[in-house]
Amino acid sequence: MTDLKGPRDARWYLSLMSPNTKGPQFAWLDPTSIYINAAAFDDLLDDLCADLNTDDIDVVAGLDAMGFVLGAALGARLGRGFLPIRKSGKLCVDTDKVSYGNYSGRTQDMEMRTPAFAKGTRVLIADQWVETGGTMDGAVRLIKRQGGKVAGMVAIAMEENAATNAYRESYKVVTAVLQNTPWQTECNAQTLSSFETYQPERTFPAAGRTKSPEAVGG
């Protein structure tokens, strides 16, 4: 099949992520602008799936809320089903529930349908961004409670700290932001050099576009 997108710079789409403009009660950046641009989203999924072995995964679980976008897209790309793990009170079926601490330091509850899968099911957990690791911890506990096995974790980025380092030691972790790169260093510092030249227009979908912004000169 012909490659319509042409050559691209590795992980070029990371520069499309936008800075927080609403203050400290929100996450420090917004990666959803990657999803808006079809070429960016496609390349993101290509890079993540390249490091995943479909034979090791039975289902993809996405974490409420933005993990739903990435998790569902990965499930479709990998040919696997999708399991939503939601904030408390959102599911209309019987659920398991756990408490967890989110990136803002607040304690919340998350739920997963019960039963969600057969014992021994291998579940890949997807979230958009992993900062403190608290949300992932809640998901891991829910999956193990029903006899599932954590097949790995996927995110655009996982910041480096004691909790997330433990995840990398225990599970297969696949991220678009690679460790030991300037992108990872900037993520750990919670500021990206690309913010200085950020242009929302670069993310806009364009009718008929078949190449990435990088491939056509921005």
N, C-alpha and C. Protein backbone atom coordinates (compact mmCIF):
# COMPACT_ATOMS: atom_id res chain seq x y z
N MET A 1 0.84 -1.19 0.00
CA MET A 1 0.00 0.00 0.00
C MET A 1 0.88 1.25 0.00
N THR A 2 0.54 2.25 -0.77
CA THR A 2 1.33 3.47 -0.86
C THR A 2 1.24 4.27 0.44
N ASP A 3 2.39 4.77 0.90
CA ASP A 3 2.43 5.62 2.09
C ASP A 3 2.10 7.05 1.68
N LEU A 4 0.86 7.47 1.96
CA LEU A 4 0.42 8.80 1.54
C LEU A 4 0.96 9.91 2.42
N LYS A 5 1.40 9.56 3.63
CA LYS A 5 1.86 10.59 4.55
C LYS A 5 3.30 11.02 4.29
N GLY A 6 4.06 10.18 3.62
CA GLY A 6 5.44 10.51 3.34
C GLY A 6 6.31 10.38 4.57
N PRO A 7 7.58 10.81 4.49
CA PRO A 7 8.49 10.70 5.63
C PRO A 7 8.06 11.62 6.76
N ARG A 8 8.44 11.25 7.99
CA ARG A 8 8.09 12.09 9.13
C ARG A 8 9.20 12.06 10.16
N ASP A 9 9.29 13.11 10.95
CA ASP A 9 10.21 13.14 12.07
C ASP A 9 9.64 12.30 13.20
N ALA A 10 10.49 11.56 13.87
CA ALA A 10 10.04 10.70 14.96
C ALA A 10 9.37 11.52 16.05
N ARG A 11 8.19 11.06 16.46
CA ARG A 11 7.42 11.66 17.56
C ARG A 11 7.12 13.15 17.31
N TRP A 12 7.02 13.55 16.05
CA TRP A 12 6.77 14.95 15.71
C TRP A 12 5.50 15.49 16.36
N TYR A 13 4.52 14.59 16.57
CA TYR A 13 3.21 15.00 17.06
C TYR A 13 3.24 15.49 18.51
N LEU A 14 4.29 15.17 19.24
CA LEU A 14 4.36 15.62 20.64
C LEU A 14 4.39 17.15 20.73
N SER A 15 4.92 17.80 19.72
CA SER A 15 4.99 19.26 19.74
C SER A 15 3.63 19.91 19.54
N LEU A 16 2.60 19.11 19.22
CA LEU A 16 1.25 19.65 19.07
C LEU A 16 0.52 19.81 20.41
N MET A 17 1.07 19.22 21.48
CA MET A 17 0.40 19.29 22.78
C MET A 17 0.38 20.72 23.28
N SER A 18 -0.75 21.13 23.84
CA SER A 18 -0.92 22.53 24.20
C SER A 18 -0.73 22.76 25.70
N PRO A 19 -0.23 23.96 26.07
CA PRO A 19 -0.03 24.27 27.48
C PRO A 19 -1.35 24.57 28.19
N ASN A 20 -1.36 24.35 29.49
CA ASN A 20 -2.50 24.70 30.34
C ASN A 20 -2.67 26.22 30.34
N THR A 21 -3.89 26.68 30.09
CA THR A 21 -4.18 28.12 30.13
C THR A 21 -5.20 28.47 31.21
N LYS A 22 -5.54 27.49 32.07
CA LYS A 22 -6.63 27.70 33.02
C LYS A 22 -6.23 27.61 34.49
N GLY A 23 -4.95 27.40 34.77
CA GLY A 23 -4.54 27.44 36.17
C GLY A 23 -4.25 26.08 36.78
N PRO A 24 -3.77 26.08 38.04
CA PRO A 24 -3.23 24.88 38.67
C PRO A 24 -4.25 23.79 39.00
N GLN A 25 -5.54 24.10 38.92
CA GLN A 25 -6.54 23.06 39.20
C GLN A 25 -6.69 22.09 38.03
N PHE A 26 -6.03 22.38 36.92
CA PHE A 26 -6.08 21.52 35.74
C PHE A 26 -4.71 20.90 35.49
N ALA A 27 -4.68 19.85 34.68
CA ALA A 27 -3.41 19.26 34.28
C ALA A 27 -2.55 20.31 33.58
N TRP A 28 -1.25 20.14 33.65
CA TRP A 28 -0.34 21.20 33.18
C TRP A 28 -0.24 21.28 31.66
N LEU A 29 -0.80 20.33 30.97
CA LEU A 29 -0.82 20.38 29.51
C LEU A 29 -2.04 19.62 29.00
N ASP A 30 -2.33 19.81 27.70
CA ASP A 30 -3.46 19.12 27.08
C ASP A 30 -2.97 18.37 25.84
N PRO A 31 -2.89 17.03 25.93
CA PRO A 31 -2.46 16.26 24.76
C PRO A 31 -3.56 16.03 23.72
N THR A 32 -4.80 16.46 23.98
CA THR A 32 -5.89 16.08 23.08
C THR A 32 -5.77 16.70 21.69
N SER A 33 -4.93 17.73 21.55
CA SER A 33 -4.75 18.30 20.22
C SER A 33 -4.10 17.30 19.27
N ILE A 34 -3.41 16.29 19.81
CA ILE A 34 -2.89 15.22 18.95
C ILE A 34 -4.05 14.47 18.30
N TYR A 35 -5.12 14.25 19.06
CA TYR A 35 -6.24 13.46 18.54
C TYR A 35 -7.00 14.21 17.44
N ILE A 36 -6.99 15.53 17.50
CA ILE A 36 -7.75 16.33 16.54
C ILE A 36 -7.18 16.19 15.14
N ASN A 37 -5.86 16.06 15.07
CA ASN A 37 -5.18 15.97 13.78
C ASN A 37 -5.05 14.51 13.38
N ALA A 38 -5.68 14.11 12.29
CA ALA A 38 -5.73 12.70 11.90
C ALA A 38 -4.34 12.11 11.69
N ALA A 39 -3.45 12.86 11.04
CA ALA A 39 -2.10 12.35 10.79
C ALA A 39 -1.35 12.15 12.10
N ALA A 40 -1.53 13.08 13.02
CA ALA A 40 -0.85 12.99 14.32
C ALA A 40 -1.37 11.79 15.11
N PHE A 41 -2.69 11.62 15.14
CA PHE A 41 -3.29 10.52 15.89
C PHE A 41 -2.86 9.18 15.30
N ASP A 42 -2.83 9.10 13.98
CA ASP A 42 -2.45 7.87 13.31
C ASP A 42 -1.00 7.51 13.62
N ASP A 43 -0.11 8.51 13.57
CA ASP A 43 1.30 8.25 13.86
C ASP A 43 1.51 7.90 15.33
N LEU A 44 0.78 8.53 16.22
CA LEU A 44 0.84 8.18 17.63
C LEU A 44 0.48 6.71 17.83
N LEU A 45 -0.63 6.28 17.24
CA LEU A 45 -1.06 4.89 17.38
C LEU A 45 -0.05 3.93 16.75
N ASP A 46 0.52 4.32 15.62
CA ASP A 46 1.55 3.48 14.99
C ASP A 46 2.71 3.25 15.95
N ASP A 47 3.18 4.32 16.57
CA ASP A 47 4.34 4.22 17.45
C ASP A 47 4.04 3.38 18.68
N LEU A 48 2.86 3.56 19.26
CA LEU A 48 2.51 2.79 20.45
C LEU A 48 2.33 1.31 20.10
N CYS A 49 1.61 1.03 19.02
CA CYS A 49 1.34 -0.36 18.66
C CYS A 49 2.60 -1.10 18.23
N ALA A 50 3.60 -0.37 17.73
CA ALA A 50 4.84 -1.02 17.30
C ALA A 50 5.55 -1.71 18.46
N ASP A 51 5.30 -1.24 19.68
CA ASP A 51 5.95 -1.80 20.86
C ASP A 51 5.04 -2.72 21.65
N LEU A 52 3.88 -3.07 21.08
CA LEU A 52 2.94 -3.97 21.76
C LEU A 52 2.83 -5.28 21.00
N ASN A 53 2.68 -6.36 21.74
CA ASN A 53 2.48 -7.68 21.15
C ASN A 53 1.01 -8.07 21.34
N THR A 54 0.27 -8.10 20.25
CA THR A 54 -1.16 -8.39 20.33
C THR A 54 -1.44 -9.72 21.00
N ASP A 55 -0.55 -10.68 20.82
CA ASP A 55 -0.75 -12.02 21.39
C ASP A 55 -0.72 -12.02 22.92
N ASP A 56 -0.22 -10.94 23.52
CA ASP A 56 -0.14 -10.85 24.98
C ASP A 56 -1.32 -10.10 25.59
N ILE A 57 -2.28 -9.67 24.75
CA ILE A 57 -3.36 -8.79 25.21
C ILE A 57 -4.71 -9.40 24.84
N ASP A 58 -5.63 -9.44 25.81
CA ASP A 58 -6.99 -9.92 25.53
C ASP A 58 -7.98 -8.77 25.41
N VAL A 59 -7.77 -7.70 26.15
CA VAL A 59 -8.68 -6.56 26.14
C VAL A 59 -7.90 -5.31 26.56
N VAL A 60 -8.35 -4.15 26.08
CA VAL A 60 -7.74 -2.88 26.45
C VAL A 60 -8.70 -2.14 27.38
N ALA A 61 -8.21 -1.72 28.54
CA ALA A 61 -9.01 -0.94 29.49
C ALA A 61 -8.59 0.51 29.41
N GLY A 62 -9.55 1.42 29.29
CA GLY A 62 -9.27 2.85 29.27
C GLY A 62 -9.78 3.50 30.54
N LEU A 63 -8.99 4.45 31.06
CA LEU A 63 -9.33 5.10 32.32
C LEU A 63 -10.07 6.41 32.07
N ASP A 64 -11.13 6.61 32.83
CA ASP A 64 -11.99 7.79 32.75
C ASP A 64 -11.16 9.05 33.03
N ALA A 65 -11.20 10.05 32.17
CA ALA A 65 -12.02 10.05 30.97
C ALA A 65 -11.19 9.97 29.70
N MET A 66 -10.04 10.67 29.65
CA MET A 66 -9.33 10.76 28.39
C MET A 66 -8.64 9.45 28.00
N GLY A 67 -8.48 8.54 28.95
CA GLY A 67 -7.99 7.22 28.60
C GLY A 67 -8.96 6.47 27.72
N PHE A 68 -10.23 6.89 27.71
CA PHE A 68 -11.21 6.26 26.83
C PHE A 68 -10.82 6.46 25.36
N VAL A 69 -10.37 7.67 25.02
CA VAL A 69 -10.04 7.98 23.63
C VAL A 69 -8.88 7.11 23.17
N LEU A 70 -7.79 7.14 23.92
CA LEU A 70 -6.61 6.39 23.53
C LEU A 70 -6.85 4.89 23.62
N GLY A 71 -7.52 4.44 24.69
CA GLY A 71 -7.76 3.01 24.87
C GLY A 71 -8.65 2.42 23.80
N ALA A 72 -9.73 3.11 23.45
CA ALA A 72 -10.63 2.60 22.41
C ALA A 72 -9.94 2.55 21.05
N ALA A 73 -9.14 3.58 20.77
CA ALA A 73 -8.42 3.59 19.49
C ALA A 73 -7.39 2.46 19.43
N LEU A 74 -6.70 2.21 20.53
CA LEU A 74 -5.73 1.12 20.56
C LEU A 74 -6.43 -0.23 20.43
N GLY A 75 -7.56 -0.39 21.12
CA GLY A 75 -8.30 -1.63 21.01
C GLY A 75 -8.71 -1.91 19.57
N ALA A 76 -9.22 -0.90 18.89
CA ALA A 76 -9.62 -1.07 17.50
C ALA A 76 -8.43 -1.40 16.61
N ARG A 77 -7.31 -0.71 16.84
CA ARG A 77 -6.12 -0.94 16.03
C ARG A 77 -5.54 -2.34 16.26
N LEU A 78 -5.61 -2.81 17.51
CA LEU A 78 -5.04 -4.11 17.86
C LEU A 78 -6.00 -5.28 17.62
N GLY A 79 -7.26 -4.96 17.32
CA GLY A 79 -8.25 -6.02 17.16
C GLY A 79 -8.69 -6.62 18.48
N ARG A 80 -8.74 -5.80 19.52
CA ARG A 80 -9.14 -6.24 20.84
C ARG A 80 -10.30 -5.39 21.34
N GLY A 81 -11.06 -5.94 22.30
CA GLY A 81 -12.19 -5.20 22.85
C GLY A 81 -11.74 -4.09 23.79
N PHE A 82 -12.72 -3.30 24.22
CA PHE A 82 -12.43 -2.15 25.07
C PHE A 82 -13.26 -2.21 26.34
N LEU A 83 -12.61 -1.99 27.49
CA LEU A 83 -13.25 -2.01 28.79
C LEU A 83 -13.09 -0.65 29.45
N PRO A 84 -14.18 0.11 29.67
CA PRO A 84 -14.05 1.39 30.37
C PRO A 84 -13.98 1.19 31.88
N ILE A 85 -13.05 1.87 32.51
CA ILE A 85 -12.98 1.94 33.97
C ILE A 85 -13.33 3.37 34.34
N ARG A 86 -14.45 3.54 35.06
CA ARG A 86 -15.07 4.85 35.18
C ARG A 86 -14.99 5.42 36.58
N LYS A 87 -15.17 6.73 36.65
CA LYS A 87 -15.35 7.37 37.95
C LYS A 87 -16.63 6.86 38.58
N SER A 88 -16.70 6.89 39.90
CA SER A 88 -17.81 6.30 40.64
C SER A 88 -19.16 6.90 40.24
N GLY A 89 -20.17 6.03 40.16
CA GLY A 89 -21.53 6.48 39.93
C GLY A 89 -21.93 6.63 38.48
N LYS A 90 -21.09 6.19 37.56
CA LYS A 90 -21.37 6.38 36.13
C LYS A 90 -21.90 5.13 35.44
N LEU A 91 -21.63 3.97 36.00
CA LEU A 91 -22.04 2.72 35.35
C LEU A 91 -23.39 2.25 35.87
N CYS A 92 -24.24 1.73 34.99
CA CYS A 92 -25.61 1.33 35.37
C CYS A 92 -25.69 -0.17 35.61
N VAL A 93 -24.55 -0.80 35.90
CA VAL A 93 -24.51 -2.24 36.19
C VAL A 93 -23.79 -2.43 37.52
N ASP A 94 -23.78 -3.67 38.01
CA ASP A 94 -23.04 -3.97 39.24
C ASP A 94 -21.55 -3.69 39.02
N THR A 95 -20.90 -3.15 40.06
CA THR A 95 -19.50 -2.74 39.90
C THR A 95 -18.66 -3.11 41.12
N ASP A 96 -17.36 -3.17 40.89
CA ASP A 96 -16.35 -3.13 41.95
C ASP A 96 -15.91 -1.68 42.06
N LYS A 97 -15.50 -1.26 43.27
CA LYS A 97 -15.08 0.12 43.47
C LYS A 97 -13.83 0.18 44.32
N VAL A 98 -12.92 1.10 43.97
CA VAL A 98 -11.74 1.37 44.79
C VAL A 98 -11.54 2.88 44.88
N SER A 99 -10.84 3.31 45.92
CA SER A 99 -10.47 4.71 46.07
C SER A 99 -9.02 4.89 45.61
N TYR A 100 -8.75 6.06 45.04
CA TYR A 100 -7.39 6.35 44.57
C TYR A 100 -7.14 7.85 44.70
N GLY A 101 -5.88 8.23 44.72
CA GLY A 101 -5.51 9.64 44.74
C GLY A 101 -5.11 10.08 43.35
N ASN A 102 -5.75 11.14 42.83
CA ASN A 102 -5.44 11.58 41.47
C ASN A 102 -4.28 12.58 41.46
N TYR A 103 -3.97 13.10 40.27
CA TYR A 103 -2.80 13.97 40.12
C TYR A 103 -2.90 15.26 40.93
N SER A 104 -4.13 15.69 41.24
CA SER A 104 -4.32 16.93 41.99
C SER A 104 -4.26 16.72 43.50
N GLY A 105 -4.11 15.46 43.92
CA GLY A 105 -4.05 15.16 45.34
C GLY A 105 -5.39 14.81 45.95
N ARG A 106 -6.46 14.89 45.18
CA ARG A 106 -7.78 14.55 45.69
C ARG A 106 -8.00 13.04 45.67
N THR A 107 -8.80 12.57 46.63
CA THR A 107 -9.17 11.16 46.66
C THR A 107 -10.50 10.98 45.93
N GLN A 108 -10.53 10.05 44.99
CA GLN A 108 -11.73 9.76 44.22
C GLN A 108 -11.98 8.26 44.21
N ASP A 109 -13.15 7.87 43.72
CA ASP A 109 -13.47 6.46 43.56
C ASP A 109 -13.58 6.13 42.08
N MET A 110 -13.14 4.94 41.70
CA MET A 110 -13.33 4.47 40.33
C MET A 110 -13.97 3.10 40.38
N GLU A 111 -14.70 2.78 39.31
CA GLU A 111 -15.46 1.54 39.27
C GLU A 111 -15.22 0.79 37.97
N MET A 112 -15.38 -0.53 38.05
CA MET A 112 -15.33 -1.39 36.89
C MET A 112 -16.50 -2.37 36.98
N ARG A 113 -17.13 -2.64 35.86
CA ARG A 113 -18.28 -3.55 35.85
C ARG A 113 -17.87 -4.92 36.41
N THR A 114 -18.80 -5.60 37.02
CA THR A 114 -18.54 -6.94 37.54
C THR A 114 -19.69 -7.88 37.18
N PRO A 115 -19.38 -9.04 36.57
CA PRO A 115 -18.04 -9.41 36.11
C PRO A 115 -17.67 -8.70 34.82
N ALA A 116 -16.39 -8.42 34.67
CA ALA A 116 -15.93 -7.73 33.46
C ALA A 116 -15.24 -8.69 32.49
N PHE A 117 -14.67 -9.77 33.04
CA PHE A 117 -13.93 -10.70 32.20
C PHE A 117 -13.70 -12.00 32.97
N ALA A 118 -13.26 -13.02 32.27
CA ALA A 118 -12.95 -14.31 32.90
C ALA A 118 -11.62 -14.21 33.63
N LYS A 119 -11.46 -15.03 34.65
CA LYS A 119 -10.18 -15.05 35.37
C LYS A 119 -9.05 -15.39 34.42
N GLY A 120 -7.95 -14.71 34.61
CA GLY A 120 -6.79 -14.92 33.75
C GLY A 120 -6.74 -14.03 32.54
N THR A 121 -7.77 -13.20 32.32
CA THR A 121 -7.79 -12.29 31.18
C THR A 121 -6.65 -11.28 31.30
N ARG A 122 -5.96 -11.06 30.19
CA ARG A 122 -4.82 -10.14 30.17
C ARG A 122 -5.28 -8.76 29.70
N VAL A 123 -5.15 -7.80 30.58
CA VAL A 123 -5.73 -6.47 30.37
C VAL A 123 -4.62 -5.43 30.19
N LEU A 124 -4.62 -4.76 29.06
CA LEU A 124 -3.72 -3.63 28.82
C LEU A 124 -4.42 -2.36 29.29
N ILE A 125 -3.78 -1.59 30.16
CA ILE A 125 -4.39 -0.38 30.71
C ILE A 125 -3.89 0.84 29.94
N ALA A 126 -4.81 1.67 29.47
CA ALA A 126 -4.44 2.87 28.72
C ALA A 126 -4.94 4.11 29.43
N ASP A 127 -4.06 5.09 29.55
CA ASP A 127 -4.45 6.41 30.04
C ASP A 127 -3.68 7.44 29.23
N GLN A 128 -4.18 8.65 29.21
CA GLN A 128 -3.58 9.68 28.38
C GLN A 128 -2.21 10.10 28.92
N TRP A 129 -2.15 10.36 30.24
CA TRP A 129 -0.94 10.90 30.85
C TRP A 129 -0.85 10.33 32.26
N VAL A 130 0.31 9.86 32.66
CA VAL A 130 0.48 9.31 34.00
C VAL A 130 1.44 10.22 34.75
N GLU A 131 0.92 10.89 35.77
CA GLU A 131 1.71 11.85 36.53
C GLU A 131 2.16 11.24 37.86
N THR A 132 1.23 11.04 38.78
CA THR A 132 1.58 10.48 40.09
C THR A 132 1.41 8.98 40.15
N GLY A 133 0.66 8.41 39.23
CA GLY A 133 0.44 6.97 39.20
C GLY A 133 -0.74 6.49 40.02
N GLY A 134 -1.46 7.42 40.68
CA GLY A 134 -2.57 7.02 41.54
C GLY A 134 -3.72 6.40 40.79
N THR A 135 -4.07 6.95 39.65
CA THR A 135 -5.18 6.41 38.86
C THR A 135 -4.84 5.01 38.36
N MET A 136 -3.62 4.83 37.91
CA MET A 136 -3.18 3.50 37.47
C MET A 136 -3.27 2.50 38.61
N ASP A 137 -2.89 2.92 39.79
CA ASP A 137 -2.94 2.02 40.94
C ASP A 137 -4.36 1.52 41.18
N GLY A 138 -5.34 2.42 41.10
CA GLY A 138 -6.73 2.01 41.27
C GLY A 138 -7.15 1.01 40.22
N ALA A 139 -6.75 1.23 38.97
CA ALA A 139 -7.11 0.31 37.88
C ALA A 139 -6.47 -1.06 38.08
N VAL A 140 -5.21 -1.08 38.49
CA VAL A 140 -4.52 -2.35 38.73
C VAL A 140 -5.25 -3.15 39.80
N ARG A 141 -5.65 -2.48 40.87
CA ARG A 141 -6.34 -3.19 41.95
C ARG A 141 -7.68 -3.75 41.50
N LEU A 142 -8.42 -2.99 40.69
CA LEU A 142 -9.70 -3.49 40.18
C LEU A 142 -9.51 -4.71 39.29
N ILE A 143 -8.52 -4.66 38.41
CA ILE A 143 -8.29 -5.77 37.49
C ILE A 143 -7.88 -7.02 38.26
N LYS A 144 -6.98 -6.87 39.20
CA LYS A 144 -6.52 -8.03 39.97
C LYS A 144 -7.63 -8.58 40.86
N ARG A 145 -8.51 -7.72 41.33
CA ARG A 145 -9.60 -8.18 42.20
C ARG A 145 -10.50 -9.17 41.47
N GLN A 146 -10.65 -9.00 40.16
CA GLN A 146 -11.48 -9.93 39.39
C GLN A 146 -10.67 -11.06 38.75
N GLY A 147 -9.43 -11.20 39.17
CA GLY A 147 -8.62 -12.31 38.67
C GLY A 147 -7.97 -12.05 37.34
N GLY A 148 -7.95 -10.78 36.91
CA GLY A 148 -7.29 -10.44 35.66
C GLY A 148 -5.80 -10.26 35.84
N LYS A 149 -5.08 -10.24 34.73
CA LYS A 149 -3.65 -10.00 34.73
C LYS A 149 -3.35 -8.72 33.97
N VAL A 150 -2.53 -7.87 34.54
CA VAL A 150 -2.17 -6.62 33.87
C VAL A 150 -1.15 -6.94 32.78
N ALA A 151 -1.56 -6.78 31.53
CA ALA A 151 -0.69 -7.08 30.40
C ALA A 151 0.31 -5.98 30.13
N GLY A 152 0.06 -4.80 30.68
CA GLY A 152 0.95 -3.67 30.47
C GLY A 152 0.20 -2.37 30.62
N MET A 153 0.93 -1.27 30.43
CA MET A 153 0.36 0.07 30.53
C MET A 153 0.81 0.88 29.33
N VAL A 154 -0.11 1.69 28.82
CA VAL A 154 0.18 2.54 27.67
C VAL A 154 -0.28 3.96 27.96
N ALA A 155 0.53 4.93 27.57
CA ALA A 155 0.17 6.33 27.74
C ALA A 155 0.97 7.16 26.74
N ILE A 156 0.55 8.39 26.53
CA ILE A 156 1.38 9.29 25.74
C ILE A 156 2.68 9.55 26.50
N ALA A 157 2.55 9.78 27.81
CA ALA A 157 3.75 9.98 28.63
C ALA A 157 3.51 9.46 30.03
N MET A 158 4.57 9.00 30.65
CA MET A 158 4.56 8.62 32.05
C MET A 158 5.71 9.37 32.72
N GLU A 159 5.36 10.31 33.60
CA GLU A 159 6.40 11.04 34.30
C GLU A 159 7.17 10.10 35.23
N GLU A 160 8.40 10.47 35.55
CA GLU A 160 9.26 9.61 36.33
C GLU A 160 9.24 9.99 37.81
N ASN A 161 8.85 9.04 38.65
CA ASN A 161 8.87 9.20 40.10
C ASN A 161 8.89 7.79 40.70
N ALA A 162 8.87 7.69 42.01
CA ALA A 162 8.99 6.38 42.65
C ALA A 162 7.88 5.44 42.24
N ALA A 163 6.65 5.95 42.18
CA ALA A 163 5.50 5.10 41.84
C ALA A 163 5.57 4.62 40.39
N THR A 164 5.85 5.53 39.47
CA THR A 164 5.87 5.14 38.06
C THR A 164 7.10 4.30 37.73
N ASN A 165 8.21 4.54 38.42
CA ASN A 165 9.38 3.67 38.22
C ASN A 165 9.06 2.24 38.64
N ALA A 166 8.27 2.09 39.68
CA ALA A 166 7.85 0.75 40.12
C ALA A 166 6.98 0.08 39.06
N TYR A 167 6.13 0.86 38.39
CA TYR A 167 5.32 0.29 37.31
C TYR A 167 6.22 -0.23 36.20
N ARG A 168 7.21 0.54 35.83
CA ARG A 168 8.11 0.13 34.74
C ARG A 168 8.88 -1.14 35.11
N GLU A 169 9.15 -1.33 36.39
CA GLU A 169 9.85 -2.53 36.82
C GLU A 169 8.93 -3.75 36.83
N SER A 170 7.63 -3.52 37.07
CA SER A 170 6.69 -4.63 37.23
C SER A 170 5.95 -5.00 35.96
N TYR A 171 5.76 -4.04 35.05
CA TYR A 171 4.92 -4.27 33.87
C TYR A 171 5.61 -3.75 32.61
N LYS A 172 5.10 -4.20 31.48
CA LYS A 172 5.53 -3.62 30.21
C LYS A 172 4.85 -2.26 30.08
N VAL A 173 5.63 -1.21 29.97
CA VAL A 173 5.11 0.14 29.86
C VAL A 173 5.52 0.71 28.49
N VAL A 174 4.54 1.15 27.73
CA VAL A 174 4.79 1.72 26.40
C VAL A 174 4.28 3.15 26.40
N THR A 175 5.15 4.08 26.06
CA THR A 175 4.78 5.49 26.02
C THR A 175 5.30 6.13 24.74
N ALA A 176 4.60 7.15 24.27
CA ALA A 176 5.07 7.89 23.11
C ALA A 176 6.31 8.71 23.47
N VAL A 177 6.30 9.28 24.67
CA VAL A 177 7.49 9.97 25.17
C VAL A 177 8.45 8.91 25.69
N LEU A 178 9.58 8.76 25.03
CA LEU A 178 10.54 7.73 25.38
C LEU A 178 11.44 8.19 26.52
N GLN A 179 11.80 7.25 27.38
CA GLN A 179 12.73 7.56 28.46
C GLN A 179 14.09 7.93 27.88
N ASN A 180 14.85 8.69 28.68
CA ASN A 180 16.21 9.11 28.31
C ASN A 180 16.22 9.97 27.05
N THR A 181 15.16 10.78 26.89
CA THR A 181 15.09 11.73 25.79
C THR A 181 14.78 13.11 26.37
N PRO A 182 15.06 14.17 25.62
CA PRO A 182 14.70 15.51 26.09
C PRO A 182 13.21 15.66 26.39
N TRP A 183 12.35 14.95 25.63
CA TRP A 183 10.91 15.01 25.89
C TRP A 183 10.60 14.52 27.30
N GLN A 184 11.26 13.40 27.71
CA GLN A 184 11.01 12.87 29.05
C GLN A 184 11.50 13.84 30.12
N THR A 185 12.66 14.43 29.92
CA THR A 185 13.19 15.41 30.87
C THR A 185 12.23 16.58 31.04
N GLU A 186 11.70 17.07 29.93
CA GLU A 186 10.77 18.20 29.99
C GLU A 186 9.45 17.79 30.65
N CYS A 187 8.98 16.57 30.37
CA CYS A 187 7.75 16.10 31.01
C CYS A 187 7.92 16.02 32.52
N ASN A 188 9.07 15.53 32.96
CA ASN A 188 9.33 15.44 34.40
C ASN A 188 9.31 16.82 35.05
N ALA A 189 9.79 17.83 34.31
CA ALA A 189 9.80 19.21 34.81
C ALA A 189 8.46 19.91 34.60
N GLN A 190 7.54 19.23 33.93
CA GLN A 190 6.20 19.74 33.63
C GLN A 190 6.21 21.06 32.88
N THR A 191 7.05 21.10 31.87
CA THR A 191 7.04 22.20 30.92
C THR A 191 7.72 21.73 29.65
N LEU A 192 7.19 22.10 28.51
CA LEU A 192 7.75 21.68 27.24
C LEU A 192 8.31 22.88 26.49
N SER A 193 9.48 22.73 25.89
CA SER A 193 10.06 23.84 25.13
C SER A 193 9.17 24.20 23.95
N SER A 194 8.39 23.24 23.46
CA SER A 194 7.49 23.52 22.34
C SER A 194 6.40 24.51 22.70
N PHE A 195 6.14 24.70 24.00
CA PHE A 195 5.14 25.68 24.41
C PHE A 195 5.52 27.09 23.96
N GLU A 196 6.82 27.35 23.85
CA GLU A 196 7.28 28.70 23.50
C GLU A 196 6.88 29.10 22.09
N THR A 197 6.70 28.12 21.23
CA THR A 197 6.33 28.41 19.84
C THR A 197 5.02 27.73 19.46
N TYR A 198 4.23 27.38 20.47
CA TYR A 198 2.99 26.64 20.21
C TYR A 198 2.03 27.44 19.33
N GLN A 199 1.53 26.79 18.29
CA GLN A 199 0.57 27.40 17.37
C GLN A 199 -0.63 26.47 17.22
N PRO A 200 -1.79 26.86 17.77
CA PRO A 200 -2.97 25.98 17.65
C PRO A 200 -3.31 25.60 16.23
N GLU A 201 -3.01 26.48 15.28
CA GLU A 201 -3.37 26.22 13.89
C GLU A 201 -2.71 24.96 13.34
N ARG A 202 -1.55 24.58 13.90
CA ARG A 202 -0.86 23.39 13.41
C ARG A 202 -1.67 22.13 13.66
N THR A 203 -2.58 22.18 14.62
CA THR A 203 -3.35 20.98 14.96
C THR A 203 -4.65 20.88 14.17
N PHE A 204 -5.04 21.96 13.51
CA PHE A 204 -6.36 21.97 12.88
C PHE A 204 -6.45 20.90 11.81
N PRO A 205 -7.56 20.13 11.78
CA PRO A 205 -7.77 19.19 10.67
C PRO A 205 -8.04 19.98 9.40
N ALA A 206 -7.50 19.47 8.30
CA ALA A 206 -7.69 20.14 7.01
C ALA A 206 -8.24 19.16 6.00
N ALA A 207 -9.27 19.55 5.28
CA ALA A 207 -9.87 18.68 4.28
C ALA A 207 -8.84 18.32 3.23
N GLY A 208 -8.72 17.02 2.96
CA GLY A 208 -7.82 16.58 1.90
C GLY A 208 -6.38 16.43 2.32
N ARG A 209 -6.03 16.74 3.57
CA ARG A 209 -4.63 16.62 3.98
C ARG A 209 -4.26 15.15 4.10
N THR A 210 -3.17 14.77 3.46
CA THR A 210 -2.71 13.37 3.53
C THR A 210 -1.31 13.28 4.11
N LYS A 211 -0.71 14.43 4.45
CA LYS A 211 0.61 14.41 5.03
C LYS A 211 0.59 15.10 6.39
N SER A 212 1.54 14.71 7.23
CA SER A 212 1.66 15.36 8.53
C SER A 212 2.16 16.78 8.35
N PRO A 213 1.89 17.69 9.31
CA PRO A 213 2.43 19.05 9.23
C PRO A 213 3.94 19.07 9.08
N GLU A 214 4.64 18.13 9.73
CA GLU A 214 6.10 18.08 9.62
C GLU A 214 6.51 17.72 8.20
N ALA A 215 5.76 16.77 7.62
CA ALA A 215 6.12 16.30 6.29
C ALA A 215 5.94 17.37 5.22
N VAL A 216 5.02 18.31 5.47
CA VAL A 216 4.76 19.36 4.49
C VAL A 216 5.35 20.69 4.93
N GLY A 217 6.23 20.66 5.92
CA GLY A 217 6.92 21.88 6.33
C GLY A 217 6.20 22.66 7.39
N GLY A 218 5.34 22.02 8.21
CA GLY A 218 4.68 22.68 9.33
C GLY A 218 3.34 23.26 8.94
